[in-house]
Amino acid sequence: MERSTRVSVFESDKPSEIQLIKSKLDDAQITNAVENNYLTFTTTPTATSLKVMVDLQDEKKAFDIIDAYLQQSENQ
């Protein structure tokens, strides 16, 4: 059984932004998953950070897609 290493390629506390990134990766046929982590110390106990995780071999392609999205949203 092959074990895959997953890495975080995007983090946000905004579910709508996470969903948008997730759908862009889905469109590019990059397998991804969202992980939910509680933030600690300086934040409220209810604040959570969402992470989009991809397989290590898809990391560069995922970053290219995310960078293009971030540049596009900055220019609007």
Protein backbone atom coordinates (compact mmCIF):
# COMPACT_ATOMS: atom_id res chain seq x y z
CA MET A 1 0.00 0.00 0.00
CA GLU A 2 1.40 3.34 -1.03
CA ARG A 3 1.29 6.00 1.65
CA SER A 4 0.93 9.58 0.49
CA THR A 5 2.32 12.59 2.24
CA ARG A 6 -0.13 15.48 2.50
CA VAL A 7 0.94 19.11 2.81
CA SER A 8 -0.93 22.32 3.56
CA VAL A 9 -1.13 24.67 0.57
CA PHE A 10 -3.62 27.26 1.85
CA GLU A 11 -4.93 28.44 5.21
CA SER A 12 -7.78 30.75 6.07
CA ASP A 13 -10.38 31.35 8.74
CA LYS A 14 -12.96 32.16 6.04
CA PRO A 15 -14.91 29.05 4.94
CA SER A 16 -16.01 30.74 1.71
CA GLU A 17 -12.39 31.37 0.67
CA ILE A 18 -11.43 27.79 1.55
CA GLN A 19 -14.35 26.49 -0.54
CA LEU A 20 -13.29 28.63 -3.52
CA ILE A 21 -9.69 27.32 -3.39
CA LYS A 22 -10.97 23.77 -2.94
CA SER A 23 -13.19 24.05 -6.03
CA LYS A 24 -10.31 25.49 -8.11
CA LEU A 25 -8.15 22.51 -7.11
CA ASP A 26 -11.04 20.12 -7.86
CA ASP A 27 -11.37 21.70 -11.33
CA ALA A 28 -7.66 21.00 -11.90
CA GLN A 29 -8.24 17.39 -10.73
CA ILE A 30 -5.99 17.81 -7.70
CA THR A 31 -7.15 15.63 -4.83
CA ASN A 32 -7.54 17.79 -1.75
CA ALA A 33 -9.02 17.81 1.73
CA VAL A 34 -9.89 20.49 4.25
CA GLU A 35 -8.61 20.18 7.81
CA ASN A 36 -9.99 22.16 10.70
CA ASN A 37 -7.59 23.27 13.46
CA TYR A 38 -8.37 25.32 16.53
CA LEU A 39 -6.20 28.40 16.83
CA THR A 40 -4.45 28.85 20.13
CA PHE A 41 -3.13 31.48 22.56
CA THR A 42 -3.85 34.95 21.05
CA THR A 43 -7.22 34.06 19.55
CA THR A 44 -10.60 33.26 20.98
CA PRO A 45 -11.15 29.57 21.78
CA THR A 46 -13.84 29.33 19.11
CA ALA A 47 -11.70 30.64 16.26
CA THR A 48 -10.63 27.99 13.79
CA SER A 49 -8.14 27.87 11.00
CA LEU A 50 -9.02 25.84 7.93
CA LYS A 51 -6.26 24.25 5.87
CA VAL A 52 -6.44 22.87 2.34
CA MET A 53 -4.24 19.78 2.12
CA VAL A 54 -2.95 18.11 -1.06
CA ASP A 55 -0.65 15.21 -1.85
CA LEU A 56 3.02 16.19 -1.88
CA GLN A 57 3.40 15.45 -5.61
CA ASP A 58 0.57 17.94 -6.38
CA GLU A 59 2.02 20.73 -4.20
CA LYS A 60 3.64 22.81 -6.96
CA LYS A 61 0.62 22.61 -9.26
CA ALA A 62 -1.67 23.57 -6.37
CA PHE A 63 0.51 26.56 -5.46
CA ASP A 64 0.45 27.73 -9.10
CA ILE A 65 -3.36 27.65 -9.10
CA ILE A 66 -3.61 29.40 -5.72
CA ASP A 67 -1.06 32.07 -6.71
CA ALA A 68 -3.03 32.81 -9.90
CA TYR A 69 -6.23 33.16 -7.86
CA LEU A 70 -4.59 35.46 -5.28
CA GLN A 71 -3.07 37.69 -7.99
CA GLN A 72 -6.43 37.89 -9.77
CA SER A 73 -8.29 38.81 -6.57
CA GLU A 74 -5.68 41.48 -5.68
CA ASN A 75 -6.17 43.14 -9.06
CA GLN A 76 -9.92 43.49 -8.65
